């Protein structure tokens, strides 16, 4: 039971850190990578909560399609903000 709580704590902290890094980063490709890391941390939380149906859809969309789409869009614009 303690392993479940530790996993929840670590994944929650990781998602918070990745979200902060994605928002404050000026390099847009790094921000996309941080956003993907945040999505992976949320996927771990969904697995711990035994929400496998949500987990499968979330991994395919947020980690795969969303990140690929953002990388494509950043490639069409400038990499650095401002």
PDB file of N, CA and C in Angstrom:
ATOM      1  N   UNK A   1       0.817  -1.193   0.000  1.00  0.00           N
ATOM      2  CA  UNK A   1       0.000   0.000   0.000  1.00  0.00           C
ATOM      3  C   UNK A   1       0.869   1.268   0.000  1.00  0.00           C
ATOM      4  N   UNK A   2       1.999   1.186   0.689  1.00  0.00           N
ATOM      5  CA  UNK A   2       2.878   2.355   0.730  1.00  0.00           C
ATOM      6  C   UNK A   2       3.476   2.626  -0.646  1.00  0.00           C
ATOM      7  N   UNK A   3       3.680   1.575  -1.442  1.00  0.00           N
ATOM      8  CA  UNK A   3       4.208   1.739  -2.790  1.00  0.00           C
ATOM      9  C   UNK A   3       3.233   2.522  -3.671  1.00  0.00           C
ATOM     10  N   UNK A   4       1.947   2.284  -3.482  1.00  0.00           N
ATOM     11  CA  UNK A   4       0.927   3.016  -4.241  1.00  0.00           C
ATOM     12  C   UNK A   4       0.959   4.495  -3.878  1.00  0.00           C
ATOM     13  N   UNK A   5       1.048   4.783  -2.608  1.00  0.00           N
ATOM     14  CA  UNK A   5       1.093   6.186  -2.169  1.00  0.00           C
ATOM     15  C   UNK A   5       2.360   6.886  -2.630  1.00  0.00           C
ATOM     16  N   UNK A   6       3.471   6.188  -2.597  1.00  0.00           N
ATOM     17  CA  UNK A   6       4.726   6.781  -3.058  1.00  0.00           C
ATOM     18  C   UNK A   6       4.679   7.044  -4.566  1.00  0.00           C
ATOM     19  N   UNK A   7       4.082   6.110  -5.312  1.00  0.00           N
ATOM     20  CA  UNK A   7       3.943   6.311  -6.751  1.00  0.00           C
ATOM     21  C   UNK A   7       3.046   7.500  -7.048  1.00  0.00           C
ATOM     22  N   UNK A   8       1.951   7.637  -6.325  1.00  0.00           N
ATOM     23  CA  UNK A   8       1.066   8.791  -6.500  1.00  0.00           C
ATOM     24  C   UNK A   8       1.787  10.092  -6.180  1.00  0.00           C
ATOM     25  N   UNK A   9       2.552  10.097  -5.117  1.00  0.00           N
ATOM     26  CA  UNK A   9       3.275  11.301  -4.711  1.00  0.00           C
ATOM     27  C   UNK A   9       4.331  11.693  -5.750  1.00  0.00           C
ATOM     28  N   UNK A  10       5.108  10.727  -6.180  1.00  0.00           N
ATOM     29  CA  UNK A  10       6.172  11.020  -7.138  1.00  0.00           C
ATOM     30  C   UNK A  10       5.604  11.452  -8.482  1.00  0.00           C
ATOM     31  N   UNK A  11       4.586  10.743  -8.976  1.00  0.00           N
ATOM     32  CA  UNK A  11       3.985  11.112 -10.264  1.00  0.00           C
ATOM     33  C   UNK A  11       3.298  12.473 -10.177  1.00  0.00           C
ATOM     34  N   UNK A  12       2.674  12.772  -9.063  1.00  0.00           N
ATOM     35  CA  UNK A  12       2.043  14.080  -8.893  1.00  0.00           C
ATOM     36  C   UNK A  12       3.058  15.206  -8.862  1.00  0.00           C
ATOM     37  N   UNK A  13       4.157  14.988  -8.162  1.00  0.00           N
ATOM     38  CA  UNK A  13       5.211  16.004  -8.126  1.00  0.00           C
ATOM     39  C   UNK A  13       5.874  16.171  -9.491  1.00  0.00           C
ATOM     40  N   UNK A  14       6.113  15.058 -10.186  1.00  0.00           N
ATOM     41  CA  UNK A  14       6.696  15.140 -11.521  1.00  0.00           C
ATOM     42  C   UNK A  14       5.799  15.914 -12.483  1.00  0.00           C
ATOM     43  N   UNK A  15       4.509  15.644 -12.424  1.00  0.00           N
ATOM     44  CA  UNK A  15       3.590  16.356 -13.321  1.00  0.00           C
ATOM     45  C   UNK A  15       3.570  17.850 -13.018  1.00  0.00           C
ATOM     46  N   UNK A  16       3.668  18.206 -11.741  1.00  0.00           N
ATOM     47  CA  UNK A  16       3.707  19.616 -11.371  1.00  0.00           C
ATOM     48  C   UNK A  16       4.989  20.287 -11.865  1.00  0.00           C
ATOM     49  N   UNK A  17       6.112  19.607 -11.701  1.00  0.00           N
ATOM     50  CA  UNK A  17       7.392  20.160 -12.152  1.00  0.00           C
ATOM     51  C   UNK A  17       7.412  20.309 -13.673  1.00  0.00           C
ATOM     52  N   UNK A  18       6.961  19.273 -14.395  1.00  0.00           N
ATOM     53  CA  UNK A  18       6.942  19.342 -15.854  1.00  0.00           C
ATOM     54  C   UNK A  18       5.994  20.431 -16.352  1.00  0.00           C
ATOM     55  N   UNK A  19       4.879  20.623 -15.686  1.00  0.00           N
ATOM     56  CA  UNK A  19       3.957  21.677 -16.084  1.00  0.00           C
ATOM     57  C   UNK A  19       4.600  23.051 -15.892  1.00  0.00           C
ATOM     58  N   UNK A  20       5.258  23.250 -14.766  1.00  0.00           N
ATOM     59  CA  UNK A  20       5.948  24.526 -14.522  1.00  0.00           C
ATOM     60  C   UNK A  20       7.036  24.771 -15.566  1.00  0.00           C
ATOM     61  N   UNK A  21       7.816  23.738 -15.854  1.00  0.00           N
ATOM     62  CA  UNK A  21       8.895  23.886 -16.836  1.00  0.00           C
ATOM     63  C   UNK A  21       8.343  24.170 -18.236  1.00  0.00           C
ATOM     64  N   UNK A  22       7.233  23.540 -18.593  1.00  0.00           N
ATOM     65  CA  UNK A  22       6.642  23.765 -19.919  1.00  0.00           C
ATOM     66  C   UNK A  22       6.114  25.185 -20.052  1.00  0.00           C
ATOM     67  N   UNK A  23       5.572  25.732 -18.982  1.00  0.00           N
ATOM     68  CA  UNK A  23       5.007  27.080 -19.039  1.00  0.00           C
ATOM     69  C   UNK A  23       6.103  28.145 -19.066  1.00  0.00           C
ATOM     70  N   UNK A  24       7.193  27.922 -18.364  1.00  0.00           N
ATOM     71  CA  UNK A  24       8.231  28.946 -18.255  1.00  0.00           C
ATOM     72  C   UNK A  24       9.317  28.836 -19.324  1.00  0.00           C
ATOM     73  N   UNK A  25       9.353  27.766 -20.084  1.00  0.00           N
ATOM     74  CA  UNK A  25      10.408  27.561 -21.081  1.00  0.00           C
ATOM     75  C   UNK A  25      10.207  28.475 -22.285  1.00  0.00           C
ATOM     76  N   UNK A  26      11.294  29.050 -22.777  1.00  0.00           N
ATOM     77  CA  UNK A  26      11.231  29.937 -23.944  1.00  0.00           C
ATOM     78  C   UNK A  26      11.507  29.193 -25.246  1.00  0.00           C
ATOM     79  N   UNK A  27      12.165  28.042 -25.171  1.00  0.00           N
ATOM     80  CA  UNK A  27      12.392  27.198 -26.332  1.00  0.00           C
ATOM     81  C   UNK A  27      11.162  26.302 -26.507  1.00  0.00           C
ATOM     82  N   UNK A  28      10.470  26.468 -27.625  1.00  0.00           N
ATOM     83  CA  UNK A  28       9.190  25.787 -27.795  1.00  0.00           C
ATOM     84  C   UNK A  28       9.330  24.277 -27.927  1.00  0.00           C
ATOM     85  N   UNK A  29      10.419  23.779 -28.508  1.00  0.00           N
ATOM     86  CA  UNK A  29      10.600  22.330 -28.595  1.00  0.00           C
ATOM     87  C   UNK A  29      10.838  21.715 -27.217  1.00  0.00           C
ATOM     88  N   UNK A  30      11.569  22.407 -26.366  1.00  0.00           N
ATOM     89  CA  UNK A  30      11.741  21.923 -24.994  1.00  0.00           C
ATOM     90  C   UNK A  30      10.413  21.956 -24.246  1.00  0.00           C
ATOM     91  N   UNK A  31       9.599  22.968 -24.502  1.00  0.00           N
ATOM     92  CA  UNK A  31       8.290  23.054 -23.858  1.00  0.00           C
ATOM     93  C   UNK A  31       7.401  21.887 -24.278  1.00  0.00           C
ATOM     94  N   UNK A  32       7.475  21.486 -25.542  1.00  0.00           N
ATOM     95  CA  UNK A  32       6.709  20.325 -26.009  1.00  0.00           C
ATOM     96  C   UNK A  32       7.207  19.061 -25.321  1.00  0.00           C
ATOM     97  N   UNK A  33       8.514  18.934 -25.154  1.00  0.00           N
ATOM     98  CA  UNK A  33       9.072  17.764 -24.464  1.00  0.00           C
ATOM     99  C   UNK A  33       8.632  17.737 -23.000  1.00  0.00           C
ATOM    100  N   UNK A  34       8.625  18.881 -22.346  1.00  0.00           N
ATOM    101  CA  UNK A  34       8.148  18.941 -20.966  1.00  0.00           C
ATOM    102  C   UNK A  34       6.656  18.607 -20.885  1.00  0.00           C
ATOM    103  N   UNK A  35       5.899  19.042 -21.864  1.00  0.00           N
ATOM    104  CA  UNK A  35       4.476  18.715 -21.903  1.00  0.00           C
ATOM    105  C   UNK A  35       4.266  17.211 -22.074  1.00  0.00           C
ATOM    106  N   UNK A  36       5.101  16.584 -22.884  1.00  0.00           N
ATOM    107  CA  UNK A  36       5.016  15.127 -23.040  1.00  0.00           C
ATOM    108  C   UNK A  36       5.395  14.427 -21.730  1.00  0.00           C
ATOM    109  N   UNK A  37       6.382  14.953 -21.023  1.00  0.00           N
ATOM    110  CA  UNK A  37       6.740  14.395 -19.720  1.00  0.00           C
ATOM    111  C   UNK A  37       5.613  14.509 -18.713  1.00  0.00           C
ATOM    112  N   UNK A  38       4.922  15.628 -18.751  1.00  0.00           N
ATOM    113  CA  UNK A  38       3.760  15.818 -17.881  1.00  0.00           C
ATOM    114  C   UNK A  38       2.660  14.822 -18.235  1.00  0.00           C
ATOM    115  N   UNK A  39       2.480  14.556 -19.506  1.00  0.00           N
ATOM    116  CA  UNK A  39       1.476  13.582 -19.930  1.00  0.00           C
ATOM    117  C   UNK A  39       1.841  12.171 -19.487  1.00  0.00           C
ATOM    118  N   UNK A  40       3.117  11.856 -19.505  1.00  0.00           N
ATOM    119  CA  UNK A  40       3.551  10.546 -19.030  1.00  0.00           C
ATOM    120  C   UNK A  40       3.323  10.414 -17.533  1.00  0.00           C
ATOM    121  N   UNK A  41       3.563  11.485 -16.784  1.00  0.00           N
ATOM    122  CA  UNK A  41       3.308  11.451 -15.342  1.00  0.00           C
ATOM    123  C   UNK A  41       1.817  11.251 -15.064  1.00  0.00           C
ATOM    124  N   UNK A  42       0.962  11.912 -15.850  1.00  0.00           N
ATOM    125  CA  UNK A  42      -0.478  11.691 -15.703  1.00  0.00           C
ATOM    126  C   UNK A  42      -0.870  10.265 -16.082  1.00  0.00           C
ATOM    127  N   UNK A  43      -0.189   9.701 -17.054  1.00  0.00           N
ATOM    128  CA  UNK A  43      -0.473   8.320 -17.436  1.00  0.00           C
ATOM    129  C   UNK A  43      -0.152   7.357 -16.299  1.00  0.00           C
ATOM    130  N   UNK A  44       0.923   7.639 -15.588  1.00  0.00           N
ATOM    131  CA  UNK A  44       1.264   6.823 -14.419  1.00  0.00           C
ATOM    132  C   UNK A  44       0.165   6.944 -13.361  1.00  0.00           C
ATOM    133  N   UNK A  45      -0.343   8.158 -13.171  1.00  0.00           N
ATOM    134  CA  UNK A  45      -1.433   8.348 -12.203  1.00  0.00           C
ATOM    135  C   UNK A  45      -2.687   7.585 -12.624  1.00  0.00           C
ATOM    136  N   UNK A  46      -3.025   7.612 -13.903  1.00  0.00           N
ATOM    137  CA  UNK A  46      -4.183   6.860 -14.379  1.00  0.00           C
ATOM    138  C   UNK A  46      -3.993   5.360 -14.177  1.00  0.00           C
ATOM    139  N   UNK A  47      -2.772   4.867 -14.361  1.00  0.00           N
ATOM    140  CA  UNK A  47      -2.503   3.450 -14.156  1.00  0.00           C
ATOM    141  C   UNK A  47      -2.668   3.077 -12.691  1.00  0.00           C
ATOM    142  N   UNK A  48      -2.184   3.924 -11.795  1.00  0.00           N
ATOM    143  CA  UNK A  48      -2.312   3.645 -10.366  1.00  0.00           C
ATOM    144  C   UNK A  48      -3.781   3.657  -9.952  1.00  0.00           C
ATOM    145  N   UNK A  49      -4.568   4.561 -10.545  1.00  0.00           N
ATOM    146  CA  UNK A  49      -5.991   4.631 -10.229  1.00  0.00           C
ATOM    147  C   UNK A  49      -6.809   3.554 -10.935  1.00  0.00           C
ATOM    148  N   UNK A  50      -6.137   2.692 -11.727  1.00  0.00           N
ATOM    149  CA  UNK A  50      -6.768   1.584 -12.444  1.00  0.00           C
ATOM    150  C   UNK A  50      -7.815   2.071 -13.438  1.00  0.00           C
ATOM    151  N   UNK A  51      -7.535   3.183 -14.097  1.00  0.00           N
ATOM    152  CA  UNK A  51      -8.423   3.708 -15.137  1.00  0.00           C
ATOM    153  C   UNK A  51      -7.811   3.365 -16.498  1.00  0.00           C
ATOM    154  N   UNK A  52      -7.791   2.073 -16.816  1.00  0.00           N
ATOM    155  CA  UNK A  52      -7.074   1.624 -18.005  1.00  0.00           C
ATOM    156  C   UNK A  52      -7.721   2.094 -19.299  1.00  0.00           C
ATOM    157  N   UNK A  53      -9.041   2.215 -19.342  1.00  0.00           N
ATOM    158  CA  UNK A  53      -9.679   2.691 -20.568  1.00  0.00           C
ATOM    159  C   UNK A  53      -9.316   4.146 -20.863  1.00  0.00           C
ATOM    160  N   UNK A  54      -9.262   4.963 -19.829  1.00  0.00           N
ATOM    161  CA  UNK A  54      -8.845   6.351 -20.001  1.00  0.00           C
ATOM    162  C   UNK A  54      -7.354   6.404 -20.322  1.00  0.00           C
ATOM    163  N   UNK A  55      -6.580   5.543 -19.694  1.00  0.00           N
ATOM    164  CA  UNK A  55      -5.140   5.513 -19.904  1.00  0.00           C
ATOM    165  C   UNK A  55      -4.782   5.224 -21.354  1.00  0.00           C
ATOM    166  N   UNK A  56      -5.423   4.253 -21.969  1.00  0.00           N
ATOM    167  CA  UNK A  56      -5.097   3.903 -23.350  1.00  0.00           C
ATOM    168  C   UNK A  56      -5.409   5.038 -24.312  1.00  0.00           C
ATOM    169  N   UNK A  57      -6.527   5.697 -24.115  1.00  0.00           N
ATOM    170  CA  UNK A  57      -6.863   6.835 -24.978  1.00  0.00           C
ATOM    171  C   UNK A  57      -5.943   8.020 -24.696  1.00  0.00           C
ATOM    172  N   UNK A  58      -5.608   8.243 -23.448  1.00  0.00           N
ATOM    173  CA  UNK A  58      -4.765   9.381 -23.075  1.00  0.00           C
ATOM    174  C   UNK A  58      -3.355   9.244 -23.637  1.00  0.00           C
ATOM    175  N   UNK A  59      -2.804   8.045 -23.576  1.00  0.00           N
ATOM    176  CA  UNK A  59      -1.455   7.839 -24.108  1.00  0.00           C
ATOM    177  C   UNK A  59      -1.438   8.080 -25.606  1.00  0.00           C
ATOM    178  N   UNK A  60      -2.410   7.538 -26.310  1.00  0.00           N
ATOM    179  CA  UNK A  60      -2.430   7.689 -27.770  1.00  0.00           C
ATOM    180  C   UNK A  60      -2.596   9.142 -28.183  1.00  0.00           C
ATOM    181  N   UNK A  61      -3.429   9.868 -27.490  1.00  0.00           N
ATOM    182  CA  UNK A  61      -3.728  11.240 -27.907  1.00  0.00           C
ATOM    183  C   UNK A  61      -2.707  12.232 -27.353  1.00  0.00           C
ATOM    184  N   UNK A  62      -2.510  12.255 -26.039  1.00  0.00           N
ATOM    185  CA  UNK A  62      -1.692  13.325 -25.457  1.00  0.00           C
ATOM    186  C   UNK A  62      -0.197  13.114 -25.666  1.00  0.00           C
ATOM    187  N   UNK A  63       0.267  11.906 -25.567  1.00  0.00           N
ATOM    188  CA  UNK A  63       1.696  11.672 -25.732  1.00  0.00           C
ATOM    189  C   UNK A  63       2.056  11.555 -27.211  1.00  0.00           C
ATOM    190  N   UNK A  64       1.220  10.907 -27.991  1.00  0.00           N
ATOM    191  CA  UNK A  64       1.531  10.676 -29.393  1.00  0.00           C
ATOM    192  C   UNK A  64       1.091  11.772 -30.329  1.00  0.00           C
ATOM    193  N   UNK A  65      -0.196  11.894 -30.532  1.00  0.00           N
ATOM    194  CA  UNK A  65      -0.735  12.809 -31.538  1.00  0.00           C
ATOM    195  C   UNK A  65      -0.493  14.269 -31.163  1.00  0.00           C
ATOM    196  N   UNK A  66      -0.760  14.618 -29.926  1.00  0.00           N
ATOM    197  CA  UNK A  66      -0.621  16.008 -29.489  1.00  0.00           C
ATOM    198  C   UNK A  66       0.823  16.484 -29.603  1.00  0.00           C
ATOM    199  N   UNK A  67       1.772  15.674 -29.133  1.00  0.00           N
ATOM    200  CA  UNK A  67       3.175  16.068 -29.210  1.00  0.00           C
ATOM    201  C   UNK A  67       3.654  16.162 -30.656  1.00  0.00           C
ATOM    202  N   UNK A  68       3.265  15.196 -31.486  1.00  0.00           N
ATOM    203  CA  UNK A  68       3.663  15.231 -32.899  1.00  0.00           C
ATOM    204  C   UNK A  68       3.084  16.450 -33.605  1.00  0.00           C
ATOM    205  N   UNK A  69       1.840  16.777 -33.316  1.00  0.00           N
ATOM    206  CA  UNK A  69       1.211  17.945 -33.920  1.00  0.00           C
ATOM    207  C   UNK A  69       1.908  19.237 -33.489  1.00  0.00           C
ATOM    208  N   UNK A  70       2.242  19.345 -32.219  1.00  0.00           N
ATOM    209  CA  UNK A  70       2.933  20.539 -31.739  1.00  0.00           C
ATOM    210  C   UNK A  70       4.332  20.667 -32.333  1.00  0.00           C
ATOM    211  N   UNK A  71       5.039  19.559 -32.480  1.00  0.00           N
ATOM    212  CA  UNK A  71       6.367  19.614 -33.103  1.00  0.00           C
ATOM    213  C   UNK A  71       6.247  20.052 -34.554  1.00  0.00           C
ATOM    214  N   UNK A  72       5.237  19.564 -35.264  1.00  0.00           N
ATOM    215  CA  UNK A  72       5.014  19.976 -36.647  1.00  0.00           C
ATOM    216  C   UNK A  72       4.715  21.477 -36.722  1.00  0.00           C
ATOM    217  N   UNK A  73       3.881  21.959 -35.825  1.00  0.00           N
ATOM    218  CA  UNK A  73       3.519  23.382 -35.827  1.00  0.00           C
ATOM    219  C   UNK A  73       4.721  24.254 -35.475  1.00  0.00           C
ATOM    220  N   UNK A  74       5.519  23.842 -34.492  1.00  0.00           N
ATOM    221  CA  UNK A  74       6.712  24.598 -34.134  1.00  0.00           C
ATOM    222  C   UNK A  74       7.692  24.610 -35.302  1.00  0.00           C
ATOM    223  N   UNK A  75       7.748  23.529 -36.057  1.00  0.00           N
ATOM    224  CA  UNK A  75       8.614  23.491 -37.227  1.00  0.00           C
ATOM    225  C   UNK A  75       8.207  24.488 -38.294  1.00  0.00           C
ATOM    226  N   UNK A  76       6.937  24.828 -38.357  1.00  0.00           N
ATOM    227  CA  UNK A  76       6.446  25.805 -39.328  1.00  0.00           C
ATOM    228  C   UNK A  76       6.619  27.246 -38.842  1.00  0.00           C
ATOM    229  N   UNK A  77       6.886  27.434 -37.560  1.00  0.00           N
ATOM    230  CA  UNK A  77       7.075  28.774 -37.005  1.00  0.00           C
ATOM    231  C   UNK A  77       8.505  28.892 -36.497  1.00  0.00           C
ATOM    232  N   UNK A  78       8.755  29.835 -35.616  1.00  0.00           N
ATOM    233  CA  UNK A  78      10.071  30.003 -35.013  1.00  0.00           C
ATOM    234  C   UNK A  78      10.173  29.145 -33.756  1.00  0.00           C
ATOM    235  N   UNK A  79      11.383  28.644 -33.531  1.00  0.00           N
ATOM    236  CA  UNK A  79      11.577  27.750 -32.400  1.00  0.00           C
ATOM    237  C   UNK A  79      11.557  28.478 -31.061  1.00  0.00           C
ATOM    238  N   UNK A  80      12.096  29.679 -31.034  1.00  0.00           N
ATOM    239  CA  UNK A  80      12.214  30.406 -29.774  1.00  0.00           C
ATOM    240  C   UNK A  80      11.116  31.462 -29.670  1.00  0.00           C
ATOM    241  N   UNK A  81      10.565  31.603 -28.478  1.00  0.00           N
ATOM    242  CA  UNK A  81       9.495  32.561 -28.223  1.00  0.00           C
ATOM    243  C   UNK A  81      10.084  33.951 -28.056  1.00  0.00           C
ATOM    244  N   UNK A  82       9.317  34.920 -28.507  1.00  0.00           N
ATOM    245  CA  UNK A  82       9.637  36.309 -28.233  1.00  0.00           C
ATOM    246  C   UNK A  82      10.654  36.873 -29.140  1.00  0.00           C
TER     247      UNK A  82
END
